[in-house]
Amino acid sequence: METGSVSSDKAIGVSMAFGALAVIGALLMFGGSSQLMKAWGFAAAMITAALCVVAVQLYE
């Protein structure tokens, strides 16, 4: 009897999307015009990086 499994690349795609958003947040953190903008960039980078790790763990 054969057992089959379906592999999905969803983890790679979702993690790449969140990784791209994390890079955009990091760029905003370094290139922001004010302290508030830099703070929002840092928050966006940290949240999307955490979501990237969660996506990899969730889909694998």
N, C-alpha and C. Protein backbone atom coordinates (compact mmCIF):
# COMPACT_ATOMS: atom_id res chain seq x y z
N MET A 1 0.84 -1.17 0.00
CA MET A 1 0.00 0.00 0.00
C MET A 1 0.88 1.24 0.00
N GLU A 2 0.56 2.14 -0.85
CA GLU A 2 1.35 3.37 -0.97
C GLU A 2 0.76 4.46 -0.12
N THR A 3 1.64 5.20 0.47
CA THR A 3 1.21 6.42 1.15
C THR A 3 1.83 7.59 0.41
N GLY A 4 1.04 8.57 0.18
CA GLY A 4 1.53 9.73 -0.56
C GLY A 4 1.41 11.00 0.26
N SER A 5 2.25 11.90 -0.06
CA SER A 5 2.16 13.20 0.60
C SER A 5 2.25 14.28 -0.46
N VAL A 6 1.58 15.33 -0.21
CA VAL A 6 1.58 16.45 -1.13
C VAL A 6 2.45 17.54 -0.52
N SER A 7 3.48 17.90 -1.23
CA SER A 7 4.32 18.98 -0.73
C SER A 7 3.87 20.28 -1.37
N SER A 8 3.94 21.31 -0.59
CA SER A 8 3.49 22.61 -1.05
C SER A 8 4.61 23.62 -0.87
N ASP A 9 4.68 24.55 -1.75
CA ASP A 9 5.65 25.63 -1.65
C ASP A 9 5.04 26.87 -1.02
N LYS A 10 3.93 26.68 -0.36
CA LYS A 10 3.25 27.81 0.26
C LYS A 10 4.11 28.46 1.34
N ALA A 11 4.86 27.66 2.08
CA ALA A 11 5.72 28.20 3.14
C ALA A 11 6.79 29.11 2.55
N ILE A 12 7.34 28.71 1.42
CA ILE A 12 8.37 29.53 0.80
C ILE A 12 7.79 30.84 0.29
N GLY A 13 6.65 30.78 -0.36
CA GLY A 13 6.04 31.98 -0.92
C GLY A 13 5.60 32.97 0.14
N VAL A 14 4.96 32.47 1.18
CA VAL A 14 4.48 33.35 2.24
C VAL A 14 5.66 33.95 3.00
N SER A 15 6.68 33.13 3.26
CA SER A 15 7.83 33.66 3.99
C SER A 15 8.61 34.67 3.15
N MET A 16 8.65 34.47 1.84
CA MET A 16 9.31 35.47 0.98
C MET A 16 8.54 36.78 0.95
N ALA A 17 7.22 36.69 0.96
CA ALA A 17 6.41 37.91 0.98
C ALA A 17 6.60 38.67 2.29
N PHE A 18 6.56 37.97 3.41
CA PHE A 18 6.79 38.63 4.69
C PHE A 18 8.23 39.12 4.81
N GLY A 19 9.17 38.39 4.21
CA GLY A 19 10.56 38.83 4.22
C GLY A 19 10.74 40.12 3.44
N ALA A 20 10.06 40.24 2.32
CA ALA A 20 10.13 41.47 1.54
C ALA A 20 9.54 42.64 2.32
N LEU A 21 8.44 42.40 3.02
CA LEU A 21 7.86 43.46 3.84
C LEU A 21 8.78 43.85 5.00
N ALA A 22 9.50 42.87 5.54
CA ALA A 22 10.45 43.17 6.61
C ALA A 22 11.60 44.03 6.09
N VAL A 23 12.05 43.75 4.89
CA VAL A 23 13.12 44.57 4.29
C VAL A 23 12.63 45.98 4.04
N ILE A 24 11.41 46.13 3.57
CA ILE A 24 10.85 47.47 3.36
C ILE A 24 10.74 48.21 4.69
N GLY A 25 10.32 47.52 5.74
CA GLY A 25 10.27 48.15 7.06
C GLY A 25 11.64 48.56 7.56
N ALA A 26 12.65 47.73 7.30
CA ALA A 26 14.02 48.08 7.71
C ALA A 26 14.54 49.28 6.93
N LEU A 27 14.23 49.34 5.64
CA LEU A 27 14.63 50.51 4.86
C LEU A 27 13.94 51.77 5.36
N LEU A 28 12.69 51.64 5.74
CA LEU A 28 11.97 52.78 6.30
C LEU A 28 12.57 53.19 7.64
N MET A 29 13.04 52.20 8.40
CA MET A 29 13.65 52.50 9.69
C MET A 29 14.93 53.31 9.49
N PHE A 30 15.74 52.96 8.51
CA PHE A 30 16.99 53.68 8.29
C PHE A 30 16.80 54.97 7.51
N GLY A 31 15.81 55.03 6.65
CA GLY A 31 15.64 56.20 5.80
C GLY A 31 14.49 57.10 6.19
N GLY A 32 13.90 56.87 7.34
CA GLY A 32 12.77 57.68 7.76
C GLY A 32 13.16 59.11 8.06
N SER A 33 12.24 60.01 7.82
CA SER A 33 12.54 61.43 8.00
C SER A 33 12.45 61.88 9.45
N SER A 34 11.66 61.20 10.25
CA SER A 34 11.51 61.61 11.65
C SER A 34 11.66 60.39 12.56
N GLN A 35 11.77 60.63 13.83
CA GLN A 35 11.89 59.54 14.79
C GLN A 35 10.64 58.66 14.79
N LEU A 36 9.48 59.28 14.61
CA LEU A 36 8.23 58.53 14.58
C LEU A 36 8.19 57.60 13.36
N MET A 37 8.64 58.10 12.21
CA MET A 37 8.67 57.27 11.01
C MET A 37 9.66 56.12 11.17
N LYS A 38 10.79 56.38 11.79
CA LYS A 38 11.78 55.32 12.03
C LYS A 38 11.23 54.28 13.00
N ALA A 39 10.47 54.72 13.99
CA ALA A 39 9.87 53.80 14.95
C ALA A 39 8.84 52.90 14.27
N TRP A 40 8.03 53.47 13.38
CA TRP A 40 7.06 52.66 12.65
C TRP A 40 7.76 51.68 11.71
N GLY A 41 8.88 52.09 11.13
CA GLY A 41 9.65 51.18 10.28
C GLY A 41 10.20 50.01 11.07
N PHE A 42 10.71 50.29 12.28
CA PHE A 42 11.21 49.23 13.14
C PHE A 42 10.09 48.28 13.54
N ALA A 43 8.94 48.83 13.89
CA ALA A 43 7.80 47.99 14.28
C ALA A 43 7.35 47.11 13.11
N ALA A 44 7.30 47.68 11.92
CA ALA A 44 6.90 46.90 10.75
C ALA A 44 7.91 45.80 10.45
N ALA A 45 9.19 46.11 10.59
CA ALA A 45 10.22 45.10 10.32
C ALA A 45 10.14 43.96 11.34
N MET A 46 9.95 44.27 12.59
CA MET A 46 9.91 43.23 13.62
C MET A 46 8.65 42.36 13.51
N ILE A 47 7.52 42.99 13.26
CA ILE A 47 6.27 42.24 13.16
C ILE A 47 6.27 41.33 11.94
N THR A 48 6.70 41.85 10.80
CA THR A 48 6.70 41.02 9.60
C THR A 48 7.78 39.94 9.65
N ALA A 49 8.88 40.20 10.32
CA ALA A 49 9.89 39.15 10.49
C ALA A 49 9.35 38.02 11.37
N ALA A 50 8.63 38.38 12.42
CA ALA A 50 8.02 37.36 13.27
C ALA A 50 6.97 36.57 12.50
N LEU A 51 6.18 37.24 11.68
CA LEU A 51 5.18 36.55 10.87
C LEU A 51 5.82 35.64 9.83
N CYS A 52 7.00 36.02 9.36
CA CYS A 52 7.74 35.17 8.43
C CYS A 52 8.12 33.85 9.09
N VAL A 53 8.59 33.91 10.32
CA VAL A 53 8.96 32.70 11.04
C VAL A 53 7.72 31.86 11.34
N VAL A 54 6.63 32.51 11.70
CA VAL A 54 5.38 31.79 11.99
C VAL A 54 4.86 31.10 10.73
N ALA A 55 4.97 31.75 9.60
CA ALA A 55 4.49 31.16 8.34
C ALA A 55 5.28 29.90 7.99
N VAL A 56 6.60 29.94 8.18
CA VAL A 56 7.42 28.77 7.90
C VAL A 56 7.03 27.62 8.83
N GLN A 57 6.83 27.92 10.10
CA GLN A 57 6.48 26.86 11.06
C GLN A 57 5.06 26.34 10.82
N LEU A 58 4.18 27.19 10.38
CA LEU A 58 2.78 26.80 10.19
C LEU A 58 2.61 25.90 8.97
N TYR A 59 3.29 26.19 7.89
CA TYR A 59 3.08 25.45 6.66
C TYR A 59 4.03 24.27 6.47
N GLU A 60 4.92 24.02 7.40
CA GLU A 60 5.80 22.86 7.26
C GLU A 60 5.51 21.80 8.26
